[in-house]
Amino acid sequence: MDPSLLRPRSTPKKKPHLIVKIILLTLLAVVFVAGAYGVKVYTSVRNAVDKTYQKIDNQSVNSAITGDKPLSILLLGTDTGEFGRTEKGNSDTMIVVTINPKTNKTTMTSIPRDTMTQIQGTKESDDIQKINAAYNLGDSTAAVKTVEKLLNIPIQYYVTINMAGLAKIVDAVGGVDVNVPFSWTDANTGNQTFKKGPAHLNGQRALAYARMRYEDPEGDYGRQKRQQEVIASIVKSALDVDSLANYEKVLDSMSSSLRMNLTFDDLVAIAQHYRKAASNITHDQLKGVGAYIGDGAYEIPSTSELQRISNKIRKQLDLPAETLSNENTRQNKLNVNFDWKAGNNPSYTLYNEDGSIMN
């Protein structure tokens, strides 16, 4: 593709949602920097994106994105490298994104990290665990296959970003501006303190701001809002003219922080063919009832809620609705006394295939 064909676009007035933010962050040098700096930068962008490519195991190569069919993408935000951690970690953010060019609609469906599910795509397959463990057990492949099984939906693409990489990207763009909703000190992030009001944060401070959960009265919901705020500010800072000179740092941070099975050409095709759909976004969330399984606290989605989400996503992908039949629906059927409406449940019982209670 001729780099001269790529032209900067004006920044939208509305804050972009997460899928737009991540794709814009990945494409910022393509649509903004390449137009300003030319072929050298264009080549650097392609090379950087190539380093992020990692296919899903046992998945055939997706056909070229032509703009006439719906897309499905799983967004994964992992806690890899969080405050000195070096293990793989879990995917604390999981969002199914569908983009339909015929209806010009994009849907984003969040899946709570503690959702009970049956893990797929690993040697631990058939184990019932929290859904955020799928990434830890089998990387992005297991996360994709687990979500597909839970909701009976096909997922073509994934984008994974780790939280340590988030800090690097923030530093690369010169920091981010946020509006701290309330004051707090978080012992889990080295007793870092935040005061209510506007603040400019470096990478580590932004990571602490985005990761705090226990001091937030909204819990995970509040954390999701702050993570989206940080990502939105990253994009705003990255698109600033003064940041263009640091494009190499941004690309380096992308290469080490992002993994996806989208190629450079795929990303360009999405930017070219799905712009209208990306501007018309609805957000939903799989909701569950809190209960304990053994000593672990889980979110247990009802069969009707799973069916609702499945139907909605399949419709967006131009697929007919199908009755869900998986391990979640089987376990729900056996938990005949579970209180789905009031949610006053001390525990949720797991059953073996023969109907006996699991030990």
Protein backbone atom coordinates (compact mmCIF):
# COMPACT_ATOMS: atom_id res chain seq x y z
CA MET A 1 0.00 0.00 0.00
CA ASP A 2 1.21 3.51 -0.86
CA PRO A 3 1.90 5.42 2.40
CA SER A 4 0.65 8.60 0.75
CA LEU A 5 -2.85 7.13 0.73
CA LEU A 6 -2.98 7.28 4.50
CA ARG A 7 -4.31 10.63 5.69
CA PRO A 8 -4.75 11.89 9.25
CA ARG A 9 -8.32 12.04 10.48
CA SER A 10 -9.70 14.57 12.92
CA THR A 11 -10.09 13.40 16.50
CA PRO A 12 -13.74 12.43 17.20
CA LYS A 13 -15.63 14.55 19.71
CA LYS A 14 -16.94 11.53 21.59
CA LYS A 15 -14.48 9.45 23.58
CA PRO A 16 -13.83 6.23 21.67
CA HIS A 17 -14.73 2.97 23.35
CA LEU A 18 -12.13 0.35 24.18
CA ILE A 19 -11.96 -1.42 20.81
CA VAL A 20 -11.55 1.89 18.99
CA LYS A 21 -8.91 3.00 21.49
CA ILE A 22 -6.82 -0.12 21.12
CA ILE A 23 -7.05 -0.19 17.34
CA LEU A 24 -6.29 3.53 17.16
CA LEU A 25 -3.30 3.05 19.43
CA THR A 26 -2.03 0.27 17.17
CA LEU A 27 -2.75 2.30 14.06
CA LEU A 28 -1.70 5.74 15.23
CA ALA A 29 1.54 5.69 13.24
CA VAL A 30 -0.31 4.36 10.20
CA VAL A 31 -2.97 7.06 10.03
CA PHE A 32 -1.14 9.94 11.71
CA VAL A 33 2.61 9.41 11.89
CA ALA A 34 3.11 7.76 8.51
CA GLY A 35 1.39 10.65 6.80
CA ALA A 36 3.71 13.07 8.57
CA TYR A 37 7.01 11.25 8.26
CA GLY A 38 6.67 9.11 5.14
CA VAL A 39 7.97 5.74 3.97
CA LYS A 40 10.59 5.19 6.70
CA VAL A 41 8.03 5.42 9.48
CA TYR A 42 5.47 3.43 7.50
CA THR A 43 7.98 0.58 7.25
CA SER A 44 8.77 0.86 10.96
CA VAL A 45 5.08 0.55 11.80
CA ARG A 46 4.67 -2.55 9.65
CA ASN A 47 7.71 -4.15 11.29
CA ALA A 48 6.43 -3.31 14.78
CA VAL A 49 2.99 -4.78 14.09
CA ASP A 50 4.57 -7.90 12.58
CA LYS A 51 6.30 -8.52 15.93
CA THR A 52 2.95 -8.60 17.73
CA TYR A 53 1.47 -11.33 15.53
CA GLN A 54 0.73 -14.66 17.23
CA LYS A 55 -1.85 -17.02 15.78
CA ILE A 56 -4.37 -19.08 17.71
CA ASP A 57 -3.37 -22.74 17.96
CA ASN A 58 -5.15 -25.07 15.51
CA GLN A 59 -6.99 -22.18 13.87
CA SER A 60 -6.85 -21.86 10.11
CA VAL A 61 -5.63 -18.55 8.76
CA ASN A 62 -8.48 -16.05 8.58
CA SER A 63 -9.42 -14.85 5.12
CA ALA A 64 -8.61 -11.30 4.08
CA ILE A 65 -10.76 -8.59 5.66
CA THR A 66 -12.76 -7.11 2.82
CA GLY A 67 -15.32 -5.10 4.77
CA ASP A 68 -18.42 -7.06 3.73
CA LYS A 69 -18.66 -9.48 6.66
CA PRO A 70 -19.00 -9.01 10.45
CA LEU A 71 -15.89 -9.32 12.61
CA SER A 72 -15.53 -10.78 16.10
CA ILE A 73 -12.59 -9.83 18.33
CA LEU A 74 -11.76 -10.82 21.91
CA LEU A 75 -9.94 -8.11 23.86
CA LEU A 76 -7.79 -9.35 26.73
CA GLY A 77 -6.16 -7.15 29.35
CA THR A 78 -3.69 -9.21 31.39
CA ASP A 79 -1.96 -8.46 34.67
CA THR A 80 1.41 -9.73 33.40
CA GLY A 81 4.31 -7.87 34.94
CA GLU A 82 2.14 -5.97 37.39
CA PHE A 83 4.38 -4.33 40.02
CA GLY A 84 7.29 -6.72 39.65
CA ARG A 85 5.31 -9.84 38.74
CA THR A 86 6.91 -11.97 36.04
CA GLU A 87 4.46 -14.89 35.76
CA LYS A 88 1.94 -14.99 32.94
CA GLY A 89 -0.94 -13.80 35.10
CA ASN A 90 -4.67 -13.77 34.37
CA SER A 91 -6.84 -11.85 31.92
CA ASP A 92 -8.62 -9.45 34.25
CA THR A 93 -10.31 -7.67 31.34
CA MET A 94 -12.24 -9.69 28.74
CA ILE A 95 -14.43 -7.99 26.14
CA VAL A 96 -16.08 -9.58 23.10
CA VAL A 97 -16.31 -7.04 20.28
CA THR A 98 -18.43 -7.55 17.16
CA ILE A 99 -18.37 -5.16 14.21
CA ASN A 100 -21.10 -5.43 11.56
CA PRO A 101 -20.54 -3.38 8.38
CA LYS A 102 -24.06 -4.02 7.07
CA THR A 103 -25.86 -2.57 10.09
CA ASN A 104 -22.95 -0.21 10.87
CA LYS A 105 -23.04 -1.31 14.49
CA THR A 106 -20.38 -2.38 16.98
CA THR A 107 -21.20 -4.24 20.18
CA MET A 108 -18.91 -4.61 23.18
CA THR A 109 -19.77 -7.30 25.72
CA SER A 110 -17.74 -7.44 28.93
CA ILE A 111 -17.24 -10.75 30.70
CA PRO A 112 -16.52 -10.42 34.44
CA ARG A 113 -13.18 -11.93 35.45
CA ASP A 114 -14.75 -14.16 38.13
CA THR A 115 -17.32 -15.75 35.81
CA MET A 116 -17.60 -19.50 36.40
CA THR A 117 -16.88 -21.50 33.25
CA GLN A 118 -15.34 -24.67 31.89
CA ILE A 119 -11.80 -24.07 30.63
CA GLN A 120 -11.11 -25.05 27.02
CA GLY A 121 -7.99 -25.49 24.92
CA THR A 122 -5.56 -26.72 27.61
CA LYS A 123 -4.60 -29.94 29.33
CA GLU A 124 -6.83 -28.70 32.16
CA SER A 125 -9.81 -28.60 29.79
CA ASP A 126 -13.07 -29.62 31.46
CA ASP A 127 -11.91 -27.99 34.73
CA ILE A 128 -14.41 -25.48 36.07
CA GLN A 129 -12.63 -22.30 37.08
CA LYS A 130 -12.89 -18.54 36.90
CA ILE A 131 -12.77 -17.46 33.27
CA ASN A 132 -9.77 -15.18 33.81
CA ALA A 133 -7.67 -18.32 34.50
CA ALA A 134 -8.01 -19.51 30.90
CA TYR A 135 -5.27 -17.14 29.72
CA ASN A 136 -2.95 -18.23 32.54
CA LEU A 137 -3.45 -21.90 31.71
CA GLY A 138 -3.30 -21.74 27.93
CA ASP A 139 -2.51 -18.24 26.71
CA SER A 140 -4.80 -16.33 24.33
CA THR A 141 -5.74 -19.57 22.55
CA ALA A 142 -7.40 -20.97 25.67
CA ALA A 143 -9.10 -17.65 26.43
CA VAL A 144 -10.62 -17.55 22.94
CA LYS A 145 -11.77 -21.18 22.98
CA THR A 146 -13.23 -20.83 26.48
CA VAL A 147 -15.30 -17.77 25.54
CA GLU A 148 -16.45 -19.48 22.33
CA LYS A 149 -17.71 -22.47 24.32
CA LEU A 150 -19.31 -20.39 27.06
CA LEU A 151 -21.39 -18.30 24.65
CA ASN A 152 -21.56 -20.52 21.54
CA ILE A 153 -20.00 -17.86 19.34
CA PRO A 154 -17.11 -17.85 16.83
CA ILE A 155 -14.18 -15.56 17.59
CA GLN A 156 -11.92 -14.74 14.67
CA TYR A 157 -9.41 -12.41 16.26
CA TYR A 158 -7.94 -11.45 19.61
CA VAL A 159 -5.91 -8.53 20.96
CA THR A 160 -3.98 -8.99 24.21
CA ILE A 161 -2.24 -6.17 26.07
CA ASN A 162 -0.42 -6.61 29.37
CA MET A 163 -0.54 -4.10 32.18
CA ALA A 164 3.25 -3.71 32.41
CA GLY A 165 3.15 -2.74 28.73
CA LEU A 166 0.50 -0.17 29.54
CA ALA A 167 2.99 1.63 31.78
CA LYS A 168 5.63 1.63 29.02
CA ILE A 169 3.18 3.05 26.51
CA VAL A 170 2.17 5.82 28.95
CA ASP A 171 5.80 6.83 29.40
CA ALA A 172 6.37 6.69 25.64
CA VAL A 173 3.63 9.26 25.01
CA GLY A 174 4.76 11.53 27.85
CA GLY A 175 2.20 10.58 30.47
CA VAL A 176 -1.59 10.75 30.68
CA ASP A 177 -4.13 13.15 32.15
CA VAL A 178 -6.95 11.73 34.28
CA ASN A 179 -9.61 13.01 36.65
CA VAL A 180 -9.27 11.08 39.92
CA PRO A 181 -12.86 10.38 41.09
CA PHE A 182 -12.02 10.24 44.82
CA SER A 183 -8.97 10.15 47.10
CA TRP A 184 -7.35 6.87 48.12
CA THR A 185 -4.17 5.14 49.24
CA ASP A 186 -3.64 1.63 47.92
CA ALA A 187 -1.47 -0.76 49.93
CA ASN A 188 -1.40 -3.18 47.00
CA THR A 189 0.51 -0.65 44.87
CA GLY A 190 3.17 0.39 47.41
CA ASN A 191 0.86 2.75 49.33
CA GLN A 192 0.55 5.07 46.36
CA THR A 193 -1.82 7.94 47.12
CA PHE A 194 -4.19 9.67 44.74
CA LYS A 195 -6.11 12.85 45.50
CA LYS A 196 -9.47 13.68 43.98
CA GLY A 197 -9.25 15.93 40.94
CA PRO A 198 -7.18 16.33 37.75
CA ALA A 199 -3.79 14.60 37.68
CA HIS A 200 -0.97 13.94 35.21
CA LEU A 201 0.45 10.42 35.65
CA ASN A 202 3.61 8.68 34.49
CA GLY A 203 3.61 5.00 33.55
CA GLN A 204 3.83 3.47 37.02
CA ARG A 205 1.33 5.91 38.49
CA ALA A 206 -1.06 5.27 35.62
CA LEU A 207 -0.73 1.53 36.18
CA ALA A 208 -1.51 1.92 39.88
CA TYR A 209 -4.47 4.14 39.02
CA ALA A 210 -5.83 1.63 36.51
CA ARG A 211 -5.30 -1.46 38.67
CA MET A 212 -6.79 -0.36 42.02
CA ARG A 213 -9.92 -2.32 42.93
CA TYR A 214 -10.43 -2.83 46.64
CA GLU A 215 -10.68 0.84 47.61
CA ASP A 216 -13.23 1.53 44.85
CA PRO A 217 -16.87 1.42 46.01
CA GLU A 218 -17.77 0.14 42.53
CA GLY A 219 -15.20 -2.68 42.68
CA ASP A 220 -14.39 -4.16 39.26
CA TYR A 221 -16.86 -1.83 37.56
CA GLY A 222 -15.01 1.23 38.86
CA ARG A 223 -11.69 -0.26 37.83
CA GLN A 224 -12.96 -0.85 34.29
CA LYS A 225 -13.95 2.82 34.06
CA ARG A 226 -10.47 3.96 35.15
CA GLN A 227 -8.74 1.56 32.75
CA GLN A 228 -10.79 2.94 29.87
CA GLU A 229 -10.00 6.49 31.01
CA VAL A 230 -6.26 5.75 30.97
CA ILE A 231 -6.41 4.15 27.52
CA ALA A 232 -8.42 7.09 26.16
CA SER A 233 -5.81 9.49 27.53
CA ILE A 234 -3.03 7.41 25.97
CA VAL A 235 -4.61 7.81 22.57
CA LYS A 236 -5.10 11.55 23.09
CA SER A 237 -1.46 11.98 24.13
CA ALA A 238 -0.19 9.77 21.33
CA LEU A 239 -2.01 11.82 18.71
CA ASP A 240 -0.53 15.06 19.99
CA VAL A 241 1.92 16.62 17.54
CA ASP A 242 4.67 16.71 20.19
CA SER A 243 4.39 12.93 20.58
CA LEU A 244 5.11 12.16 16.94
CA ALA A 245 8.82 12.58 17.51
CA ASN A 246 8.66 9.71 20.03
CA TYR A 247 7.03 7.27 17.62
CA GLU A 248 9.93 4.80 17.92
CA LYS A 249 9.38 4.51 21.69
CA VAL A 250 5.66 4.00 21.12
CA LEU A 251 6.32 1.29 18.54
CA ASP A 252 8.85 -0.44 20.81
CA SER A 253 6.35 -0.49 23.66
CA MET A 254 3.67 -1.87 21.34
CA SER A 255 5.94 -4.64 20.11
CA SER A 256 6.64 -5.87 23.64
CA SER A 257 3.17 -5.28 25.09
CA LEU A 258 0.68 -6.38 22.42
CA ARG A 259 -0.07 -9.81 20.98
CA MET A 260 -2.75 -10.42 18.38
CA ASN A 261 -3.61 -12.53 15.35
CA LEU A 262 -4.32 -9.41 13.31
CA THR A 263 -1.75 -8.56 10.65
CA PHE A 264 -0.73 -5.09 9.58
CA ASP A 265 -2.91 -5.40 6.49
CA ASP A 266 -5.84 -6.56 8.66
CA LEU A 267 -5.56 -3.45 10.82
CA VAL A 268 -5.42 -1.15 7.83
CA ALA A 269 -8.47 -2.92 6.35
CA ILE A 270 -10.41 -2.46 9.60
CA ALA A 271 -9.54 1.23 9.66
CA GLN A 272 -10.64 1.61 6.05
CA HIS A 273 -13.81 -0.50 5.95
CA TYR A 274 -15.32 -0.42 9.45
CA ARG A 275 -15.19 3.26 10.40
CA LYS A 276 -18.95 3.81 10.32
CA ALA A 277 -19.61 0.74 12.45
CA ALA A 278 -16.92 1.78 14.94
CA SER A 279 -18.71 5.10 15.52
CA ASN A 280 -21.99 3.39 16.47
CA ILE A 281 -21.19 1.40 19.61
CA THR A 282 -23.39 -0.29 22.20
CA HIS A 283 -22.07 -1.82 25.40
CA ASP A 284 -23.38 -4.80 27.32
CA GLN A 285 -22.14 -7.05 30.10
CA LEU A 286 -22.63 -10.67 31.03
CA LYS A 287 -24.06 -10.51 34.53
CA GLY A 288 -23.95 -13.18 37.20
CA VAL A 289 -25.01 -13.94 40.75
CA GLY A 290 -22.29 -13.93 43.41
CA ALA A 291 -21.75 -17.22 45.24
CA TYR A 292 -19.01 -19.41 46.66
CA ILE A 293 -17.73 -22.61 45.12
CA GLY A 294 -15.68 -24.09 47.91
CA ASP A 295 -13.55 -21.21 49.21
CA GLY A 296 -13.64 -19.25 45.96
CA ALA A 297 -15.97 -16.36 45.17
CA TYR A 298 -17.50 -16.64 41.69
CA GLU A 299 -19.94 -14.87 39.41
CA ILE A 300 -22.52 -17.46 38.28
CA PRO A 301 -24.41 -16.41 35.11
CA SER A 302 -27.88 -17.88 34.75
CA THR A 303 -28.78 -19.90 31.66
CA SER A 304 -31.21 -17.20 30.55
CA GLU A 305 -28.49 -14.55 30.84
CA LEU A 306 -26.00 -16.67 28.91
CA GLN A 307 -28.65 -17.26 26.24
CA ARG A 308 -29.41 -13.54 26.04
CA ILE A 309 -25.77 -12.64 25.45
CA SER A 310 -25.28 -15.51 23.00
CA ASN A 311 -28.32 -14.47 20.96
CA LYS A 312 -27.22 -10.83 20.88
CA ILE A 313 -23.69 -11.56 19.71
CA ARG A 314 -24.78 -14.17 17.15
CA LYS A 315 -27.31 -11.71 15.69
CA GLN A 316 -24.58 -9.12 15.33
CA LEU A 317 -22.52 -11.73 13.46
CA ASP A 318 -25.46 -12.52 11.14
CA LEU A 319 -25.86 -15.96 12.71
CA PRO A 320 -29.14 -17.56 13.84
CA ALA A 321 -29.84 -18.04 17.55
CA GLU A 322 -29.10 -21.51 18.95
CA THR A 323 -30.05 -23.01 22.29
CA LEU A 324 -27.03 -23.07 24.56
CA SER A 325 -25.86 -26.45 25.81
CA ASN A 326 -22.60 -26.48 27.74
CA GLU A 327 -21.22 -27.19 31.18
CA ASN A 328 -22.63 -23.97 32.62
CA THR A 329 -26.17 -24.77 31.50
CA ARG A 330 -25.83 -28.36 32.81
CA GLN A 331 -24.65 -27.20 36.24
CA ASN A 332 -27.35 -24.53 36.40
CA LYS A 333 -30.04 -27.12 35.71
CA LEU A 334 -28.79 -29.27 38.57
CA ASN A 335 -28.71 -26.34 41.04
CA VAL A 336 -32.49 -26.42 41.42
CA ASN A 337 -32.57 -24.45 44.69
CA PHE A 338 -30.21 -21.68 43.62
CA ASP A 339 -31.76 -18.22 44.09
CA TRP A 340 -31.16 -16.44 40.76
CA LYS A 341 -33.28 -13.38 41.54
CA ALA A 342 -32.42 -12.38 45.09
CA GLY A 343 -28.89 -13.73 44.97
CA ASN A 344 -28.92 -14.82 48.61
CA ASN A 345 -26.77 -17.87 48.06
CA PRO A 346 -24.01 -19.05 50.38
CA SER A 347 -22.73 -21.49 47.78
CA TYR A 348 -23.15 -23.06 44.35
CA THR A 349 -22.81 -26.83 43.99
CA LEU A 350 -20.81 -28.53 41.25
CA TYR A 351 -21.91 -31.95 40.00
CA ASN A 352 -20.09 -34.79 38.23
CA GLU A 353 -21.35 -36.25 34.96
CA ASP A 354 -23.27 -38.94 36.86
CA GLY A 355 -25.09 -36.31 38.94
CA SER A 356 -23.09 -36.88 42.11
CA ILE A 357 -21.67 -33.89 43.98
CA MET A 358 -18.05 -33.05 43.18
CA ASN A 359 -15.65 -33.32 46.08
